[in-house]
Amino acid sequence: MDSLGALVILASVELAQGKIDAAGTGASWPTMALAVLYGAISVTWTLWCVAWLRRRWPSQGAMLARAGRASYTTYFMHPVILTAIMVLFASLALAPELKCLVVTAAKVPVCFALGYAITRVPGISKVSEPASAGRAIEVGRSARETE
């Protein structure tokens, strides 16, 4: 952690001396320091958000359980669904930002609904669901019950 603090201080000094353009390009230590900081901040933020959500909503309802079961299939199917929805909304005369919101609002429920439907198909359900999915849910529940 001390080396990370040193990188922050050195990068700040370098940027304060007017070398802000050099810090973002080339193979120099400010570039490497910024890359390390960006990675550390990104991972830390993601882990903090996951921890906050787990504290805020420690249990899941039936809908979240179905979405969790469908998430593996949704991961593989979302590029196809996203492309299809983008093609459907291509002729919509909206600003790109607004179109992004419309496509996102449409694709998330469609992706998870299709993912869940695929997990219900008898032959595909064994392939579309990770082998440890049922075990992970049980381990998580037993860990919470013992606390």
Protein backbone atom coordinates (compact mmCIF):
# COMPACT_ATOMS: atom_id res chain seq x y z
CA MET A 1 0.00 0.00 0.00
CA ASP A 2 2.94 2.34 0.65
CA SER A 3 4.19 1.88 -2.92
CA LEU A 4 0.73 2.77 -4.22
CA GLY A 5 0.80 5.96 -2.15
CA ALA A 6 4.23 6.78 -3.52
CA LEU A 7 2.96 6.29 -7.07
CA VAL A 8 0.06 8.64 -6.38
CA ILE A 9 2.39 11.32 -5.00
CA LEU A 10 4.90 10.97 -7.85
CA ALA A 11 2.17 11.06 -10.49
CA SER A 12 0.63 14.13 -8.83
CA VAL A 13 3.98 15.94 -8.80
CA GLU A 14 4.60 15.03 -12.43
CA LEU A 15 1.16 16.25 -13.46
CA ALA A 16 1.50 19.43 -11.39
CA GLN A 17 4.71 20.32 -13.24
CA GLY A 18 2.76 20.68 -16.48
CA LYS A 19 3.59 17.29 -17.95
CA ILE A 20 0.00 16.19 -18.15
CA ASP A 21 0.24 15.25 -21.85
CA ALA A 22 3.35 13.13 -21.30
CA ALA A 23 1.65 11.21 -18.50
CA GLY A 24 -0.95 9.76 -20.82
CA THR A 25 1.29 8.69 -23.70
CA GLY A 26 4.50 6.78 -24.25
CA ALA A 27 6.28 4.21 -22.13
CA SER A 28 7.27 6.27 -19.12
CA TRP A 29 6.80 5.79 -15.40
CA PRO A 30 3.89 8.28 -15.20
CA THR A 31 2.07 6.27 -17.85
CA MET A 32 2.69 3.05 -15.96
CA ALA A 33 1.70 4.66 -12.65
CA LEU A 34 -1.57 5.91 -14.12
CA ALA A 35 -2.30 2.47 -15.58
CA VAL A 36 -1.70 0.82 -12.20
CA LEU A 37 -3.82 3.43 -10.41
CA TYR A 38 -6.62 3.08 -12.93
CA GLY A 39 -6.64 -0.69 -12.49
CA ALA A 40 -6.50 -0.48 -8.69
CA ILE A 41 -9.29 2.08 -8.52
CA SER A 42 -11.47 0.10 -10.96
CA VAL A 43 -11.11 -3.17 -9.06
CA THR A 44 -11.57 -1.49 -5.67
CA TRP A 45 -14.71 0.33 -6.83
CA THR A 46 -16.20 -2.87 -8.25
CA LEU A 47 -15.51 -4.85 -5.08
CA TRP A 48 -16.92 -2.05 -2.91
CA CYS A 49 -20.13 -1.96 -4.98
CA VAL A 50 -20.55 -5.74 -4.71
CA ALA A 51 -19.96 -5.64 -0.94
CA TRP A 52 -22.43 -2.76 -0.53
CA LEU A 53 -25.10 -4.55 -2.56
CA ARG A 54 -24.63 -7.76 -0.56
CA ARG A 55 -25.02 -5.82 2.72
CA ARG A 56 -27.99 -3.84 1.39
CA TRP A 57 -29.89 -6.83 -0.02
CA PRO A 58 -28.56 -9.97 1.70
CA SER A 59 -31.27 -12.29 0.41
CA GLN A 60 -32.80 -12.84 -2.98
CA GLY A 61 -36.35 -13.31 -4.09
CA ALA A 62 -37.72 -15.70 -6.67
CA MET A 63 -37.13 -13.30 -9.56
CA LEU A 64 -33.46 -12.76 -8.66
CA ALA A 65 -33.00 -16.50 -8.25
CA ARG A 66 -34.31 -17.02 -11.79
CA ALA A 67 -32.13 -14.19 -13.12
CA GLY A 68 -29.11 -15.73 -11.41
CA ARG A 69 -29.84 -19.09 -12.96
CA ALA A 70 -30.17 -17.45 -16.37
CA SER A 71 -27.07 -15.26 -16.06
CA TYR A 72 -24.64 -17.80 -17.54
CA THR A 73 -26.77 -18.28 -20.65
CA THR A 74 -27.47 -14.55 -20.81
CA TYR A 75 -23.72 -13.89 -20.90
CA PHE A 76 -23.36 -15.99 -24.03
CA MET A 77 -26.57 -14.82 -25.72
CA HIS A 78 -26.41 -11.05 -25.08
CA PRO A 79 -24.28 -10.10 -28.13
CA VAL A 80 -26.81 -11.66 -30.50
CA ILE A 81 -29.76 -10.12 -28.70
CA LEU A 82 -28.07 -6.72 -28.41
CA THR A 83 -27.29 -6.71 -32.13
CA ALA A 84 -30.85 -7.68 -33.03
CA ILE A 85 -32.35 -4.96 -30.83
CA MET A 86 -29.92 -2.36 -32.19
CA VAL A 87 -30.95 -3.27 -35.74
CA LEU A 88 -34.63 -2.99 -34.76
CA PHE A 89 -34.09 0.48 -33.31
CA ALA A 90 -31.73 1.69 -36.08
CA SER A 91 -34.46 3.62 -37.88
CA LEU A 92 -35.62 5.33 -34.67
CA ALA A 93 -34.95 9.06 -35.00
CA LEU A 94 -33.46 9.81 -31.58
CA ALA A 95 -30.24 11.24 -30.25
CA PRO A 96 -27.61 8.50 -29.81
CA GLU A 97 -27.65 8.91 -26.02
CA LEU A 98 -31.42 8.51 -25.87
CA LYS A 99 -31.30 5.56 -28.26
CA CYS A 100 -28.71 3.91 -25.99
CA LEU A 101 -31.10 4.23 -23.04
CA VAL A 102 -34.00 2.80 -25.05
CA VAL A 103 -31.92 -0.14 -26.32
CA THR A 104 -30.57 -0.84 -22.82
CA ALA A 105 -34.04 -0.74 -21.30
CA ALA A 106 -35.23 -3.20 -23.93
CA LYS A 107 -32.24 -5.57 -24.00
CA VAL A 108 -31.78 -6.32 -20.29
CA PRO A 109 -35.20 -7.92 -19.67
CA VAL A 110 -35.17 -9.60 -23.10
CA CYS A 111 -31.70 -11.09 -22.48
CA PHE A 112 -32.60 -12.47 -19.06
CA ALA A 113 -36.03 -13.74 -20.18
CA LEU A 114 -34.46 -15.58 -23.12
CA GLY A 115 -31.63 -16.85 -20.92
CA TYR A 116 -34.12 -18.23 -18.42
CA ALA A 117 -36.21 -19.78 -21.21
CA ILE A 118 -33.11 -21.52 -22.56
CA THR A 119 -32.28 -22.95 -19.12
CA ARG A 120 -35.74 -24.56 -19.08
CA VAL A 121 -35.18 -26.53 -22.33
CA PRO A 122 -34.53 -30.13 -21.21
CA GLY A 123 -31.46 -30.97 -23.31
CA ILE A 124 -29.85 -27.56 -23.22
CA SER A 125 -30.33 -26.93 -19.50
CA LYS A 126 -27.42 -29.20 -18.56
CA VAL A 127 -25.09 -27.33 -20.92
CA SER A 128 -26.35 -23.80 -20.30
CA GLU A 129 -25.97 -23.89 -16.53
CA PRO A 130 -22.59 -24.13 -14.79
CA ALA A 131 -22.09 -27.36 -12.84
CA SER A 132 -21.39 -25.51 -9.59
CA ALA A 133 -24.45 -23.20 -9.78
CA GLY A 134 -26.68 -25.26 -7.51
CA ARG A 135 -23.84 -26.00 -5.10
CA ALA A 136 -22.86 -22.31 -4.84
CA ILE A 137 -26.39 -21.34 -3.85
CA GLU A 138 -26.51 -24.02 -1.16
CA VAL A 139 -23.06 -23.11 0.18
CA GLY A 140 -24.11 -19.44 0.33
CA ARG A 141 -27.30 -20.25 2.19
CA SER A 142 -25.63 -22.56 4.69
CA ALA A 143 -22.95 -19.95 5.39
CA ARG A 144 -25.61 -17.32 6.12
CA GLU A 145 -27.62 -19.68 8.30
CA THR A 146 -24.60 -20.49 10.50
CA GLU A 147 -23.87 -16.85 11.29
